[in-house]
Amino acid sequence: MYTVVLADDEHLICDSMAQILSSVPGIQIIGQFYTGHEAYEFLSGHPADLCLLDISMPGKSGLDIAELLHRQNRGTQ
C-alpha cells in the first residue's frame, strides 16, 4: 500500500486528483490539503510515500514542502 498526500490551492484540482487516486488499488490518500501550510504541518509528523504538490500556493509552496521532505530524508517521492 502506497500512502499519498495531495496539496493544491485549487479545490477542483485537488478533489479530482483525490477521486481518481482513491480508485487505484494499492493507493491510500492520507492527506488532502488546500494550503501549503496545512500540508507542511501534516507532513512534519506523518510519513508519506508520495506527495503531489502544487508548486505555487499561498504561504508555503510545494517547493518549501519538498525541502522539508528532503531535510527529513524519509524517501518521500
C-alpha atoms as a PDB file:
ATOM      1  CA  MET A   1       0.000   0.000   0.000  1.00  0.00           C
ATOM      2  CA  TYR A   2       1.387   3.401  -1.019  1.00  0.00           C
ATOM      3  CA  THR A   3       0.452   6.415   1.062  1.00  0.00           C
ATOM      4  CA  VAL A   4      -0.204   9.678  -0.765  1.00  0.00           C
ATOM      5  CA  VAL A   5      -0.584  13.311   0.278  1.00  0.00           C
ATOM      6  CA  LEU A   6      -2.154  15.869  -2.055  1.00  0.00           C
ATOM      7  CA  ALA A   7      -1.783  19.648  -1.777  1.00  0.00           C
ATOM      8  CA  ASP A   8      -3.223  22.190  -4.195  1.00  0.00           C
ATOM      9  CA  ASP A   9      -4.907  25.528  -3.546  1.00  0.00           C
ATOM     10  CA  GLU A  10      -7.271  24.863  -6.450  1.00  0.00           C
ATOM     11  CA  HIS A  11     -10.015  22.830  -4.774  1.00  0.00           C
ATOM     12  CA  LEU A  12     -11.300  21.312  -8.017  1.00  0.00           C
ATOM     13  CA  ILE A  13      -7.872  20.007  -8.989  1.00  0.00           C
ATOM     14  CA  CYS A  14      -7.129  18.611  -5.533  1.00  0.00           C
ATOM     15  CA  ASP A  15     -10.552  16.975  -5.250  1.00  0.00           C
ATOM     16  CA  SER A  16     -10.293  15.500  -8.759  1.00  0.00           C
ATOM     17  CA  MET A  17      -6.856  14.015  -8.071  1.00  0.00           C
ATOM     18  CA  ALA A  18      -8.154  12.540  -4.813  1.00  0.00           C
ATOM     19  CA  GLN A  19     -11.153  10.988  -6.543  1.00  0.00           C
ATOM     20  CA  ILE A  20      -9.044   9.437  -9.296  1.00  0.00           C
ATOM     21  CA  LEU A  21      -6.315   8.143  -6.989  1.00  0.00           C
ATOM     22  CA  SER A  22      -8.821   6.745  -4.486  1.00  0.00           C
ATOM     23  CA  SER A  23      -9.994   4.313  -7.143  1.00  0.00           C
ATOM     24  CA  VAL A  24      -6.482   2.910  -7.733  1.00  0.00           C
ATOM     25  CA  PRO A  25      -5.796  -0.335  -5.852  1.00  0.00           C
ATOM     26  CA  GLY A  26      -2.804  -0.047  -3.528  1.00  0.00           C
ATOM     27  CA  ILE A  27      -3.136   3.725  -3.058  1.00  0.00           C
ATOM     28  CA  GLN A  28      -4.236   5.256   0.238  1.00  0.00           C
ATOM     29  CA  ILE A  29      -4.679   9.023   0.449  1.00  0.00           C
ATOM     30  CA  ILE A  30      -3.628  10.010   3.952  1.00  0.00           C
ATOM     31  CA  GLY A  31      -3.935  13.758   3.495  1.00  0.00           C
ATOM     32  CA  GLN A  32      -5.624  16.227   1.185  1.00  0.00           C
ATOM     33  CA  PHE A  33      -4.855  19.900   1.719  1.00  0.00           C
ATOM     34  CA  TYR A  34      -5.789  23.191   0.097  1.00  0.00           C
ATOM     35  CA  THR A  35      -2.937  25.214   1.583  1.00  0.00           C
ATOM     36  CA  GLY A  36       0.762  24.581   1.675  1.00  0.00           C
ATOM     37  CA  HIS A  37       0.856  25.445   5.372  1.00  0.00           C
ATOM     38  CA  GLU A  38      -1.623  22.660   6.259  1.00  0.00           C
ATOM     39  CA  ALA A  39       0.304  20.133   4.169  1.00  0.00           C
ATOM     40  CA  TYR A  40       3.625  21.255   5.664  1.00  0.00           C
ATOM     41  CA  GLU A  41       2.325  20.857   9.218  1.00  0.00           C
ATOM     42  CA  PHE A  42       0.859  17.412   8.469  1.00  0.00           C
ATOM     43  CA  LEU A  43       3.988  16.129   6.745  1.00  0.00           C
ATOM     44  CA  SER A  44       6.182  17.318   9.606  1.00  0.00           C
ATOM     45  CA  GLY A  45       4.832  14.409  11.647  1.00  0.00           C
ATOM     46  CA  HIS A  46       3.369  11.928   9.160  1.00  0.00           C
ATOM     47  CA  PRO A  47       5.442   9.982   6.626  1.00  0.00           C
ATOM     48  CA  ALA A  48       4.103   9.518   3.095  1.00  0.00           C
ATOM     49  CA  ASP A  49       5.388   7.527   0.136  1.00  0.00           C
ATOM     50  CA  LEU A  50       4.305  10.095  -2.450  1.00  0.00           C
ATOM     51  CA  CYS A  51       3.325  13.773  -2.377  1.00  0.00           C
ATOM     52  CA  LEU A  52       1.628  15.540  -5.263  1.00  0.00           C
ATOM     53  CA  LEU A  53       2.201  19.227  -4.625  1.00  0.00           C
ATOM     54  CA  ASP A  54       1.233  22.440  -6.357  1.00  0.00           C
ATOM     55  CA  ILE A  55       4.439  24.441  -6.670  1.00  0.00           C
ATOM     56  CA  SER A  56       2.701  27.804  -6.371  1.00  0.00           C
ATOM     57  CA  MET A  57       0.470  28.088  -3.299  1.00  0.00           C
ATOM     58  CA  PRO A  58      -0.002  30.984  -0.883  1.00  0.00           C
ATOM     59  CA  GLY A  59       2.163  30.749   2.227  1.00  0.00           C
ATOM     60  CA  LYS A  60       4.172  27.557   1.909  1.00  0.00           C
ATOM     61  CA  SER A  61       4.807  26.465  -1.674  1.00  0.00           C
ATOM     62  CA  GLY A  62       5.270  22.954  -2.979  1.00  0.00           C
ATOM     63  CA  LEU A  63       8.979  23.751  -3.133  1.00  0.00           C
ATOM     64  CA  ASP A  64       9.004  24.600   0.591  1.00  0.00           C
ATOM     65  CA  ILE A  65       7.335  21.274   1.318  1.00  0.00           C
ATOM     66  CA  ALA A  66       9.770  19.401  -0.926  1.00  0.00           C
ATOM     67  CA  GLU A  67      12.642  20.996   1.008  1.00  0.00           C
ATOM     68  CA  LEU A  68      11.122  19.813   4.307  1.00  0.00           C
ATOM     69  CA  LEU A  69      10.794  16.271   2.968  1.00  0.00           C
ATOM     70  CA  HIS A  70      14.377  16.348   1.685  1.00  0.00           C
ATOM     71  CA  ARG A  71      15.674  17.519   5.099  1.00  0.00           C
ATOM     72  CA  GLN A  72      13.769  14.755   6.857  1.00  0.00           C
ATOM     73  CA  ASN A  73      15.305  12.211   4.449  1.00  0.00           C
ATOM     74  CA  ARG A  74      12.300   9.878   4.558  1.00  0.00           C
ATOM     75  CA  GLY A  75      12.398   8.819   0.936  1.00  0.00           C
ATOM     76  CA  THR A  76       9.155  10.535   0.005  1.00  0.00           C
ATOM     77  CA  GLN A  77       8.809  10.968  -3.734  1.00  0.00           C
END
